[in-house]
């Protein structure tokens, strides 16, 4: 369903270790809004709902809420360490358009809730 490169998993594990909080995992999600209609959410969490989908990728626990899963099917997350231009990238095969910031996308089947860009 979701793919995370080894480089991205290593960076996320490094960030998790720096938090020094037991039982944290990576939570991915999607919310309506953003410049193109939907926005990605990526952060750490320690609370899981029974309806959440759980994956283990490169030894990393990843959790996605049930509603977000349909927007994230096939997503590939990578990490590029390129000085000031580096960071996480998200390649979503379900997106037909995305904002220049890379944090917002338009889904092929749903409009979402587009908002004015803050550029």
N, C-alpha and C. Protein backbone atom coordinates (compact mmCIF):
# COMPACT_ATOMS: atom_id res chain seq x y z
N UNK A 1 0.81 -1.20 0.00
CA UNK A 1 0.00 0.00 0.00
C UNK A 1 0.86 1.26 0.00
N UNK A 2 1.76 1.41 0.96
CA UNK A 2 2.64 2.56 1.06
C UNK A 2 4.07 2.06 0.99
N UNK A 3 4.93 2.82 0.33
CA UNK A 3 6.34 2.47 0.27
C UNK A 3 7.15 3.61 0.89
N UNK A 4 8.14 3.24 1.67
CA UNK A 4 9.05 4.20 2.26
C UNK A 4 10.46 3.73 1.92
N UNK A 5 11.24 4.60 1.33
CA UNK A 5 12.61 4.23 0.97
C UNK A 5 13.41 3.96 2.24
N UNK A 6 14.49 3.24 2.06
CA UNK A 6 15.37 2.96 3.20
C UNK A 6 15.94 4.26 3.76
N UNK A 7 16.28 5.20 2.87
CA UNK A 7 16.83 6.50 3.32
C UNK A 7 15.80 7.25 4.17
N UNK A 8 14.54 7.24 3.75
CA UNK A 8 13.48 7.92 4.52
C UNK A 8 13.25 7.22 5.85
N UNK A 9 13.22 5.89 5.83
CA UNK A 9 13.02 5.13 7.07
C UNK A 9 14.16 5.41 8.05
N UNK A 10 15.39 5.43 7.56
CA UNK A 10 16.53 5.71 8.44
C UNK A 10 16.42 7.10 9.06
N UNK A 11 16.04 8.09 8.27
CA UNK A 11 15.90 9.46 8.78
C UNK A 11 14.77 9.53 9.82
N UNK A 12 13.66 8.87 9.55
CA UNK A 12 12.53 8.88 10.49
C UNK A 12 12.92 8.18 11.78
N UNK A 13 13.63 7.06 11.70
CA UNK A 13 14.09 6.36 12.91
C UNK A 13 15.02 7.25 13.72
N UNK A 14 15.89 7.99 13.04
CA UNK A 14 16.79 8.92 13.71
C UNK A 14 15.99 10.00 14.44
N UNK A 15 14.97 10.52 13.80
CA UNK A 15 14.13 11.55 14.40
C UNK A 15 13.33 10.98 15.58
N UNK A 16 12.83 9.76 15.44
CA UNK A 16 12.10 9.12 16.53
C UNK A 16 13.00 8.93 17.75
N UNK A 17 14.23 8.48 17.53
CA UNK A 17 15.18 8.27 18.62
C UNK A 17 15.45 9.58 19.36
N UNK A 18 15.51 10.68 18.64
CA UNK A 18 15.78 11.99 19.25
C UNK A 18 14.62 12.43 20.15
N UNK A 19 13.43 11.93 19.90
CA UNK A 19 12.25 12.29 20.71
C UNK A 19 12.33 11.71 22.12
N UNK A 20 13.02 10.60 22.27
CA UNK A 20 13.19 9.92 23.56
C UNK A 20 11.86 9.64 24.25
N UNK A 21 10.85 9.29 23.46
CA UNK A 21 9.54 8.91 24.00
C UNK A 21 9.25 7.49 23.55
N UNK A 22 8.98 6.59 24.50
CA UNK A 22 8.74 5.19 24.11
C UNK A 22 7.44 5.03 23.33
N UNK A 23 7.41 4.03 22.46
CA UNK A 23 6.21 3.62 21.72
C UNK A 23 5.72 4.63 20.68
N UNK A 24 6.56 5.55 20.25
CA UNK A 24 6.17 6.45 19.18
C UNK A 24 6.26 5.73 17.84
N UNK A 25 5.39 6.11 16.92
CA UNK A 25 5.43 5.57 15.57
C UNK A 25 5.13 6.69 14.60
N UNK A 26 5.33 6.42 13.31
CA UNK A 26 5.04 7.39 12.27
C UNK A 26 3.56 7.30 11.89
N UNK A 27 2.88 8.43 11.93
CA UNK A 27 1.49 8.48 11.49
C UNK A 27 1.42 9.31 10.21
N UNK A 28 0.81 8.72 9.19
CA UNK A 28 0.56 9.42 7.93
C UNK A 28 -0.92 9.68 7.80
N UNK A 29 -1.28 10.81 7.23
CA UNK A 29 -2.68 11.12 7.05
C UNK A 29 -2.89 12.15 5.96
N UNK A 30 -4.14 12.37 5.66
CA UNK A 30 -4.56 13.35 4.65
C UNK A 30 -5.74 14.11 5.22
N UNK A 31 -5.73 15.43 5.03
CA UNK A 31 -6.86 16.25 5.45
C UNK A 31 -7.32 17.09 4.26
N UNK A 32 -8.60 17.45 4.25
CA UNK A 32 -9.11 18.35 3.23
C UNK A 32 -8.52 19.72 3.48
N UNK A 33 -8.10 20.38 2.42
CA UNK A 33 -7.52 21.71 2.53
C UNK A 33 -6.22 21.79 1.77
N UNK A 34 -5.51 22.87 1.94
CA UNK A 34 -4.26 23.08 1.21
C UNK A 34 -4.54 23.71 -0.14
N UNK A 35 -3.50 24.11 -0.80
CA UNK A 35 -3.61 24.84 -2.08
C UNK A 35 -4.34 24.04 -3.16
N UNK A 36 -4.17 22.71 -3.15
CA UNK A 36 -4.72 21.89 -4.23
C UNK A 36 -5.94 21.07 -3.84
N UNK A 37 -6.34 21.09 -2.57
CA UNK A 37 -7.54 20.37 -2.17
C UNK A 37 -7.35 19.42 -1.00
N UNK A 38 -6.18 18.77 -0.93
CA UNK A 38 -5.86 17.87 0.18
C UNK A 38 -4.45 18.15 0.64
N UNK A 39 -4.19 17.97 1.94
CA UNK A 39 -2.87 18.17 2.49
C UNK A 39 -2.38 16.89 3.17
N UNK A 40 -1.09 16.62 3.04
CA UNK A 40 -0.48 15.48 3.71
C UNK A 40 -0.19 15.83 5.16
N UNK A 41 -0.30 14.83 6.00
CA UNK A 41 0.11 14.94 7.39
C UNK A 41 1.10 13.83 7.69
N UNK A 42 2.20 14.18 8.33
CA UNK A 42 3.22 13.20 8.66
C UNK A 42 3.82 13.62 9.99
N UNK A 43 3.68 12.78 10.99
CA UNK A 43 4.20 13.12 12.31
C UNK A 43 4.29 11.90 13.19
N UNK A 44 4.69 12.12 14.43
CA UNK A 44 4.82 11.02 15.37
C UNK A 44 3.60 10.98 16.28
N UNK A 45 3.25 9.77 16.69
CA UNK A 45 2.07 9.55 17.53
C UNK A 45 2.34 8.35 18.42
N UNK A 46 1.58 8.24 19.49
CA UNK A 46 1.67 7.05 20.35
C UNK A 46 0.30 6.47 20.64
N UNK A 47 -0.75 7.04 20.02
CA UNK A 47 -2.11 6.55 20.22
C UNK A 47 -2.65 6.01 18.90
N UNK A 48 -3.23 4.82 18.98
CA UNK A 48 -3.71 4.15 17.79
C UNK A 48 -5.17 3.75 17.96
N UNK A 49 -5.99 4.00 16.94
CA UNK A 49 -7.40 3.62 16.96
C UNK A 49 -7.56 2.21 16.38
N UNK A 50 -8.60 1.49 16.79
CA UNK A 50 -8.82 0.14 16.26
C UNK A 50 -8.99 0.11 14.73
N UNK A 51 -9.48 1.19 14.15
CA UNK A 51 -9.71 1.22 12.70
C UNK A 51 -8.47 1.62 11.90
N UNK A 52 -7.39 2.03 12.58
CA UNK A 52 -6.15 2.40 11.89
C UNK A 52 -5.54 1.20 11.17
N UNK A 53 -4.89 1.49 10.07
CA UNK A 53 -4.14 0.46 9.35
C UNK A 53 -2.68 0.58 9.77
N UNK A 54 -2.06 -0.56 10.07
CA UNK A 54 -0.68 -0.56 10.55
C UNK A 54 0.21 -1.34 9.60
N UNK A 55 1.40 -0.81 9.34
CA UNK A 55 2.38 -1.44 8.47
C UNK A 55 3.74 -1.40 9.16
N UNK A 56 4.62 -2.31 8.77
CA UNK A 56 6.01 -2.22 9.19
C UNK A 56 6.86 -2.18 7.93
N UNK A 57 7.62 -1.12 7.80
CA UNK A 57 8.46 -0.91 6.62
C UNK A 57 9.88 -0.58 7.07
N UNK A 58 10.83 -1.40 6.69
CA UNK A 58 12.24 -1.22 7.08
C UNK A 58 12.38 -1.11 8.59
N UNK A 59 11.59 -1.90 9.33
CA UNK A 59 11.66 -1.88 10.79
C UNK A 59 10.99 -0.68 11.42
N UNK A 60 10.21 0.05 10.66
CA UNK A 60 9.53 1.26 11.12
C UNK A 60 8.02 1.01 11.17
N UNK A 61 7.42 1.29 12.32
CA UNK A 61 5.96 1.16 12.44
C UNK A 61 5.31 2.39 11.84
N UNK A 62 4.40 2.15 10.88
CA UNK A 62 3.68 3.23 10.18
C UNK A 62 2.19 2.99 10.36
N UNK A 63 1.46 4.02 10.73
CA UNK A 63 0.02 3.92 10.97
C UNK A 63 -0.70 4.97 10.12
N UNK A 64 -1.80 4.53 9.50
CA UNK A 64 -2.63 5.40 8.66
C UNK A 64 -4.07 5.24 9.10
N UNK A 65 -4.76 6.36 9.29
CA UNK A 65 -6.18 6.27 9.65
C UNK A 65 -6.98 5.74 8.45
N UNK A 66 -8.09 5.13 8.74
CA UNK A 66 -8.90 4.45 7.71
C UNK A 66 -9.29 5.39 6.57
N UNK A 67 -9.69 6.61 6.87
CA UNK A 67 -10.14 7.56 5.85
C UNK A 67 -9.00 7.99 4.93
N UNK A 68 -7.82 8.19 5.49
CA UNK A 68 -6.67 8.63 4.70
C UNK A 68 -6.13 7.54 3.79
N UNK A 69 -6.33 6.29 4.16
CA UNK A 69 -5.73 5.17 3.42
C UNK A 69 -6.07 5.21 1.93
N UNK A 70 -7.30 5.59 1.58
CA UNK A 70 -7.68 5.59 0.16
C UNK A 70 -6.92 6.65 -0.65
N UNK A 71 -6.48 7.72 0.00
CA UNK A 71 -5.72 8.76 -0.69
C UNK A 71 -4.23 8.44 -0.77
N UNK A 72 -3.77 7.55 0.10
CA UNK A 72 -2.35 7.25 0.20
C UNK A 72 -1.97 5.92 -0.44
N UNK A 73 -2.92 5.23 -1.04
CA UNK A 73 -2.62 3.94 -1.66
C UNK A 73 -1.58 4.12 -2.77
N UNK A 74 -0.46 3.43 -2.65
CA UNK A 74 0.59 3.50 -3.66
C UNK A 74 1.61 4.61 -3.46
N UNK A 75 1.46 5.40 -2.41
CA UNK A 75 2.36 6.51 -2.14
C UNK A 75 3.78 6.00 -1.87
N UNK A 76 4.76 6.75 -2.38
CA UNK A 76 6.16 6.46 -2.12
C UNK A 76 6.79 7.66 -1.41
N UNK A 77 7.37 7.41 -0.25
CA UNK A 77 8.03 8.47 0.52
C UNK A 77 9.53 8.23 0.47
N UNK A 78 10.27 9.29 0.17
CA UNK A 78 11.72 9.20 0.09
C UNK A 78 12.31 10.36 0.88
N UNK A 79 13.61 10.29 1.13
CA UNK A 79 14.32 11.39 1.78
C UNK A 79 15.56 11.69 0.98
N UNK A 80 15.72 12.94 0.59
CA UNK A 80 16.89 13.40 -0.16
C UNK A 80 17.70 14.33 0.73
N UNK A 81 18.95 14.00 0.94
CA UNK A 81 19.83 14.84 1.75
C UNK A 81 20.66 15.69 0.81
N UNK A 82 20.11 16.86 0.45
CA UNK A 82 20.75 17.73 -0.55
C UNK A 82 20.92 19.14 -0.03
N UNK A 83 21.53 19.28 1.12
CA UNK A 83 21.75 20.61 1.66
C UNK A 83 20.45 21.34 1.93
N UNK A 84 20.34 22.55 1.43
CA UNK A 84 19.15 23.35 1.69
C UNK A 84 17.93 22.87 0.93
N UNK A 85 18.12 22.10 -0.16
CA UNK A 85 17.01 21.62 -0.96
C UNK A 85 16.55 20.22 -0.59
N UNK A 86 17.10 19.64 0.46
CA UNK A 86 16.77 18.27 0.83
C UNK A 86 15.51 18.18 1.67
N UNK A 87 15.11 16.96 1.96
CA UNK A 87 13.96 16.71 2.80
C UNK A 87 13.16 15.53 2.29
N UNK A 88 12.00 15.35 2.87
CA UNK A 88 11.11 14.25 2.48
C UNK A 88 10.36 14.61 1.20
N UNK A 89 10.20 13.61 0.35
CA UNK A 89 9.39 13.79 -0.86
C UNK A 89 8.29 12.74 -0.85
N UNK A 90 7.15 13.11 -1.41
CA UNK A 90 6.00 12.20 -1.49
C UNK A 90 5.59 12.11 -2.95
N UNK A 91 5.61 10.89 -3.47
CA UNK A 91 5.15 10.63 -4.83
C UNK A 91 3.84 9.87 -4.72
N UNK A 92 2.76 10.53 -5.12
CA UNK A 92 1.42 9.96 -4.97
C UNK A 92 0.82 9.69 -6.35
N UNK A 93 0.64 8.41 -6.72
CA UNK A 93 0.07 8.10 -8.03
C UNK A 93 -1.40 8.47 -8.16
N UNK A 94 -2.04 8.81 -7.05
CA UNK A 94 -3.45 9.20 -7.06
C UNK A 94 -3.64 10.70 -7.28
N UNK A 95 -2.55 11.44 -7.26
CA UNK A 95 -2.62 12.90 -7.41
C UNK A 95 -2.58 13.27 -8.88
N UNK A 96 -3.50 14.14 -9.28
CA UNK A 96 -3.50 14.64 -10.66
C UNK A 96 -2.89 16.03 -10.74
N UNK A 97 -2.69 16.66 -9.60
CA UNK A 97 -2.03 17.96 -9.52
C UNK A 97 -1.52 18.13 -8.10
N UNK A 98 -0.47 18.94 -7.96
CA UNK A 98 0.04 19.23 -6.63
C UNK A 98 0.51 20.67 -6.58
N UNK A 99 0.59 21.17 -5.37
CA UNK A 99 1.03 22.55 -5.15
C UNK A 99 2.55 22.60 -5.26
N UNK A 100 3.09 23.75 -5.52
CA UNK A 100 4.53 23.92 -5.61
C UNK A 100 5.25 23.55 -4.32
N UNK A 101 4.57 23.63 -3.20
CA UNK A 101 5.20 23.31 -1.92
C UNK A 101 5.35 21.81 -1.72
N UNK A 102 4.59 21.01 -2.49
CA UNK A 102 4.67 19.57 -2.37
C UNK A 102 3.88 18.99 -1.22
N UNK A 103 3.21 19.83 -0.45
CA UNK A 103 2.45 19.36 0.70
C UNK A 103 0.95 19.25 0.43
N UNK A 104 0.53 19.64 -0.76
CA UNK A 104 -0.88 19.65 -1.09
C UNK A 104 -1.07 19.01 -2.46
N UNK A 105 -2.20 18.31 -2.64
CA UNK A 105 -2.45 17.64 -3.91
C UNK A 105 -3.94 17.59 -4.22
N UNK A 106 -4.24 17.39 -5.49
CA UNK A 106 -5.61 17.19 -5.94
C UNK A 106 -5.74 15.72 -6.28
N UNK A 107 -6.72 15.06 -5.69
CA UNK A 107 -6.94 13.63 -5.90
C UNK A 107 -7.68 13.40 -7.21
N UNK A 108 -7.41 12.28 -7.85
CA UNK A 108 -8.01 11.99 -9.15
C UNK A 108 -9.52 11.80 -9.10
N UNK A 109 -10.08 11.50 -7.92
CA UNK A 109 -11.52 11.23 -7.84
C UNK A 109 -12.29 12.22 -6.96
N UNK A 110 -11.59 13.05 -6.19
CA UNK A 110 -12.28 13.96 -5.27
C UNK A 110 -11.65 15.34 -5.30
N UNK A 111 -12.47 16.35 -5.12
CA UNK A 111 -12.05 17.75 -5.17
C UNK A 111 -11.29 18.18 -3.93
N UNK A 112 -11.71 17.70 -2.76
CA UNK A 112 -11.10 18.16 -1.52
C UNK A 112 -11.65 19.52 -1.14
N UNK A 113 -10.84 20.35 -0.51
CA UNK A 113 -11.24 21.69 -0.09
C UNK A 113 -10.11 22.66 -0.39
N UNK A 114 -9.92 23.03 -1.67
CA UNK A 114 -8.82 23.93 -2.03
C UNK A 114 -8.90 25.25 -1.28
N UNK A 115 -7.72 25.74 -0.87
CA UNK A 115 -7.63 27.01 -0.19
C UNK A 115 -6.63 27.89 -0.92
N UNK A 116 -6.68 29.18 -0.67
CA UNK A 116 -5.73 30.10 -1.28
C UNK A 116 -4.33 29.81 -0.75
N UNK A 117 -3.35 29.79 -1.65
CA UNK A 117 -1.96 29.56 -1.26
C UNK A 117 -1.43 30.74 -0.47
N UNK A 118 -0.56 30.47 0.49
CA UNK A 118 0.07 31.52 1.31
C UNK A 118 1.43 31.92 0.78
N UNK A 119 1.73 31.65 -0.49
CA UNK A 119 3.07 31.94 -1.03
C UNK A 119 3.41 33.38 -0.92
